[in-house]
Amino acid sequence: MKKQIAALVLAGSVAGGIGAGVLANAATSRGPAAPAPSSPARSSTTPSSEGGESGMASPDVLELAPGRVGPVRAGMSKAQALATGYFVADRPAPVEGCPVVPLAWKDEYVNTYDVYTLGNGEISSIGVRGRGVTTAQGIGIGSTYDEVKAAYPDESLLAAGYGQSGVRVFDRQDGGWIGFLFDAEPGAIEGSDPVTFVEVTKGAEPSLMRDGC
């Protein structure tokens, strides 16, 4: 991915190597942006097929959509997010020198998702790294650029920095976004290039990067 996400610390726990940048308002409790890793580096983070607690879906069956992952939505308050049952609160940072993590995905989900929050604990961004999690159109990690174009023919491929590019989809009904990252520049991308990272946000469009804290 972006030779961008060098030292990702998920707001939900570090799953090892992916990152994506803080939203434009930079209102999170995290540090400076760093590039996102490519999917090969994530081969050890394939989502578990085991489900969560009673009534909770397994990591690889939550549906992706602009602004949400299953019942978890960007813009949720800390209390609302905890009420979904998918999160724990106020975990120690996995990297020394980083602040306490206001929200973290429960252990069975951290290899598939991350979460970024504002200072008040509100969810600002959710990142997806694991395969098997898709949109209603079947798009997720590993989907090709040709498949993304077919699913979202009206959306453009734009530069995402660090030699990467992304397709961002906006839902005008509720202000939700979903972005798909590719490890190739717009002028060099091929139809077979895969999605290596997915990010959902609300209000601000996905930066498709993660920071180092």
Protein backbone atom coordinates (compact mmCIF):
# COMPACT_ATOMS: atom_id res chain seq x y z
CA MET A 1 0.00 0.00 0.00
CA LYS A 2 1.34 3.37 0.51
CA LYS A 3 4.76 2.76 1.24
CA GLN A 4 2.55 4.96 3.36
CA ILE A 5 1.54 3.11 6.37
CA ALA A 6 4.85 2.37 7.95
CA ALA A 7 4.09 2.03 11.58
CA LEU A 8 0.42 1.76 11.99
CA VAL A 9 -1.05 1.85 15.35
CA LEU A 10 -4.66 1.14 14.96
CA ALA A 11 -6.90 3.10 17.19
CA GLY A 12 -8.25 -0.30 17.80
CA SER A 13 -4.93 -2.18 18.05
CA VAL A 14 -1.99 -2.68 15.78
CA ALA A 15 -2.58 -5.56 13.40
CA GLY A 16 0.80 -5.22 11.91
CA GLY A 17 1.73 -2.88 9.14
CA ILE A 18 -1.17 -1.04 7.64
CA GLY A 19 -1.86 2.50 8.12
CA ALA A 20 -3.72 5.29 6.62
CA GLY A 21 -3.76 9.00 7.27
CA VAL A 22 -5.64 11.04 9.70
CA LEU A 23 -8.73 12.76 8.37
CA ALA A 24 -8.42 16.27 7.08
CA ASN A 25 -9.50 17.87 10.31
CA ALA A 26 -6.63 16.13 12.09
CA ALA A 27 -8.77 16.09 15.15
CA THR A 28 -7.69 12.63 16.15
CA SER A 29 -5.40 11.90 19.03
CA ARG A 30 -2.72 10.60 16.68
CA GLY A 31 0.49 11.85 15.20
CA PRO A 32 1.78 12.66 11.67
CA ALA A 33 0.62 10.70 8.63
CA ALA A 34 2.59 7.81 7.19
CA PRO A 35 2.10 5.64 4.10
CA ALA A 36 -0.13 2.58 3.91
CA PRO A 37 1.37 -0.88 3.38
CA SER A 38 0.64 -3.13 0.46
CA SER A 39 -1.47 -6.25 0.72
CA PRO A 40 1.44 -8.71 0.54
CA ALA A 41 2.68 -7.29 3.84
CA ARG A 42 -0.73 -8.05 5.27
CA SER A 43 -0.76 -11.72 4.38
CA SER A 44 -0.53 -12.66 8.07
CA THR A 45 -3.66 -10.68 8.91
CA THR A 46 -6.32 -12.67 7.09
CA PRO A 47 -9.56 -12.25 9.04
CA SER A 48 -10.64 -15.00 11.36
CA SER A 49 -13.71 -17.03 10.47
CA GLU A 50 -14.68 -17.16 14.12
CA GLY A 51 -17.60 -15.02 15.19
CA GLY A 52 -17.72 -12.51 18.01
CA GLU A 53 -19.96 -12.62 21.04
CA SER A 54 -23.58 -13.67 20.79
CA GLY A 55 -25.42 -11.55 18.25
CA MET A 56 -22.21 -10.20 16.67
CA ALA A 57 -21.09 -11.09 13.15
CA SER A 58 -17.72 -12.68 12.43
CA PRO A 59 -15.09 -10.26 11.07
CA ASP A 60 -15.44 -11.35 7.46
CA VAL A 61 -19.20 -10.99 7.10
CA LEU A 62 -19.77 -7.38 8.14
CA GLU A 63 -20.91 -5.48 5.03
CA LEU A 64 -19.03 -2.40 3.88
CA ALA A 65 -20.84 0.74 2.73
CA PRO A 66 -20.09 4.46 2.57
CA GLY A 67 -19.64 5.61 6.16
CA ARG A 68 -20.07 2.24 7.85
CA VAL A 69 -18.86 -1.29 8.51
CA GLY A 70 -21.86 -3.41 9.45
CA PRO A 71 -23.62 -1.61 12.33
CA VAL A 72 -20.55 0.52 13.12
CA ARG A 73 -20.77 3.99 11.59
CA ALA A 74 -18.33 6.83 11.23
CA GLY A 75 -19.66 9.68 13.36
CA MET A 76 -20.83 7.41 16.20
CA SER A 77 -20.09 8.66 19.70
CA LYS A 78 -17.86 6.57 21.95
CA ALA A 79 -20.91 5.42 23.92
CA GLN A 80 -22.80 4.44 20.75
CA ALA A 81 -19.80 2.49 19.46
CA LEU A 82 -19.41 0.60 22.74
CA ALA A 83 -23.13 -0.23 22.68
CA THR A 84 -22.64 -2.16 19.41
CA GLY A 85 -20.59 -4.74 21.32
CA TYR A 86 -17.66 -4.62 18.88
CA PHE A 87 -15.37 -2.36 20.91
CA VAL A 88 -13.55 -1.96 24.19
CA ALA A 89 -12.66 1.41 25.70
CA ASP A 90 -9.45 3.13 26.78
CA ARG A 91 -6.83 0.55 25.91
CA PRO A 92 -3.17 1.34 26.57
CA ALA A 93 -1.37 2.32 23.38
CA PRO A 94 0.53 -0.61 21.84
CA VAL A 95 3.44 1.72 21.02
CA GLU A 96 5.34 3.56 23.72
CA GLY A 97 4.82 7.31 23.62
CA CYS A 98 1.37 7.13 22.02
CA PRO A 99 -1.78 8.17 23.90
CA VAL A 100 -4.38 5.81 25.36
CA VAL A 101 -6.66 4.44 22.63
CA PRO A 102 -10.24 5.68 23.30
CA LEU A 103 -11.83 2.87 21.25
CA ALA A 104 -10.41 -0.44 20.08
CA TRP A 105 -12.00 -3.31 18.19
CA LYS A 106 -12.32 -6.47 20.25
CA ASP A 107 -9.54 -8.99 19.75
CA GLU A 108 -11.27 -11.12 17.13
CA TYR A 109 -11.66 -8.08 14.84
CA VAL A 110 -8.30 -6.31 15.10
CA ASN A 111 -6.65 -8.24 12.25
CA THR A 112 -9.39 -7.07 9.91
CA TYR A 113 -10.30 -3.53 11.02
CA ASP A 114 -8.92 -0.43 12.67
CA VAL A 115 -10.73 2.61 14.07
CA TYR A 116 -9.68 6.24 14.43
CA THR A 117 -11.39 8.67 16.76
CA LEU A 118 -11.63 12.35 17.55
CA GLY A 119 -10.51 13.60 20.94
CA ASN A 120 -13.98 12.99 22.39
CA GLY A 121 -13.99 9.36 21.25
CA GLU A 122 -16.27 9.88 18.25
CA ILE A 123 -15.41 7.57 15.35
CA SER A 124 -13.82 9.51 12.50
CA SER A 125 -12.54 6.68 10.30
CA ILE A 126 -12.65 2.90 10.00
CA GLY A 127 -9.99 1.04 8.04
CA VAL A 128 -10.30 -2.43 6.51
CA ARG A 129 -7.32 -4.71 5.82
CA GLY A 130 -8.76 -8.22 5.83
CA ARG A 131 -10.12 -10.15 2.88
CA GLY A 132 -13.68 -11.41 2.75
CA VAL A 133 -15.30 -8.15 3.87
CA THR A 134 -17.12 -6.58 0.92
CA THR A 135 -19.68 -4.04 -0.17
CA ALA A 136 -23.11 -5.07 -1.48
CA GLN A 137 -21.45 -4.97 -4.92
CA GLY A 138 -18.84 -7.50 -3.81
CA ILE A 139 -15.93 -5.05 -3.61
CA GLY A 140 -13.28 -5.38 -0.91
CA ILE A 141 -9.61 -6.16 -0.32
CA GLY A 142 -8.25 -8.04 -3.34
CA SER A 143 -10.91 -6.80 -5.77
CA THR A 144 -9.33 -5.59 -9.02
CA TYR A 145 -9.40 -2.10 -10.42
CA ASP A 146 -11.58 -3.39 -13.28
CA GLU A 147 -14.07 -4.75 -10.74
CA VAL A 148 -14.14 -1.45 -8.83
CA LYS A 149 -14.74 0.47 -12.09
CA ALA A 150 -17.59 -1.87 -13.00
CA ALA A 151 -19.20 -1.47 -9.57
CA TYR A 152 -18.74 2.32 -9.41
CA PRO A 153 -18.59 3.52 -13.04
CA ASP A 154 -19.19 7.18 -12.16
CA GLU A 155 -16.23 7.50 -9.79
CA SER A 156 -12.76 8.66 -10.84
CA LEU A 157 -9.35 7.26 -9.95
CA LEU A 158 -7.36 9.97 -8.15
CA ALA A 159 -3.81 10.19 -6.83
CA ALA A 160 -3.54 9.20 -3.17
CA GLY A 161 0.12 10.05 -2.59
CA TYR A 162 3.18 7.85 -2.14
CA GLY A 163 2.83 6.45 -5.65
CA GLN A 164 -0.66 5.18 -4.95
CA SER A 165 -4.17 5.98 -6.14
CA GLY A 166 -7.72 5.59 -4.92
CA VAL A 167 -11.38 5.51 -5.87
CA ARG A 168 -13.64 7.32 -3.40
CA VAL A 169 -17.41 6.85 -3.34
CA PHE A 170 -19.76 9.36 -1.66
CA ASP A 171 -23.29 8.69 -0.41
CA ARG A 172 -25.20 11.95 -0.79
CA GLN A 173 -28.02 10.69 1.42
CA ASP A 174 -26.07 10.59 4.68
CA GLY A 175 -22.64 12.03 3.87
CA GLY A 176 -20.81 8.71 4.15
CA TRP A 177 -17.66 7.90 2.16
CA ILE A 178 -15.84 4.71 1.21
CA GLY A 179 -12.42 4.68 -0.43
CA PHE A 180 -10.46 1.92 -2.18
CA LEU A 181 -6.66 2.13 -2.34
CA PHE A 182 -4.38 0.76 -5.10
CA ASP A 183 -0.59 0.48 -5.01
CA ALA A 184 -0.10 2.21 -8.36
CA GLU A 185 -0.25 5.78 -9.60
CA PRO A 186 -3.24 6.78 -11.76
CA GLY A 187 -1.17 6.75 -14.94
CA ALA A 188 0.34 3.35 -14.25
CA ILE A 189 -2.59 1.36 -12.87
CA GLU A 190 -3.70 -1.81 -14.63
CA GLY A 191 -7.09 -3.50 -14.59
CA SER A 192 -5.74 -6.40 -12.54
CA ASP A 193 -4.26 -4.23 -9.77
CA PRO A 194 -5.95 -5.14 -6.46
CA VAL A 195 -7.50 -3.06 -3.71
CA THR A 196 -5.01 -3.07 -0.82
CA PHE A 197 -6.85 -0.97 1.76
CA VAL A 198 -10.39 0.29 2.34
CA GLU A 199 -11.43 3.26 4.47
CA VAL A 200 -14.87 4.53 5.46
CA THR A 201 -15.54 8.01 6.84
CA LYS A 202 -18.31 10.57 7.18
CA GLY A 203 -18.10 14.24 6.21
CA ALA A 204 -14.42 14.27 5.21
CA GLU A 205 -13.43 12.04 2.31
CA PRO A 206 -11.08 9.13 3.02
CA SER A 207 -7.40 10.04 3.00
CA LEU A 208 -6.50 6.35 2.48
CA MET A 209 -3.53 6.73 4.80
CA ARG A 210 -2.74 5.88 8.39
CA ASP A 211 -0.40 7.63 10.83
CA GLY A 212 2.40 6.25 12.96
CA CYS A 213 0.71 6.42 16.36
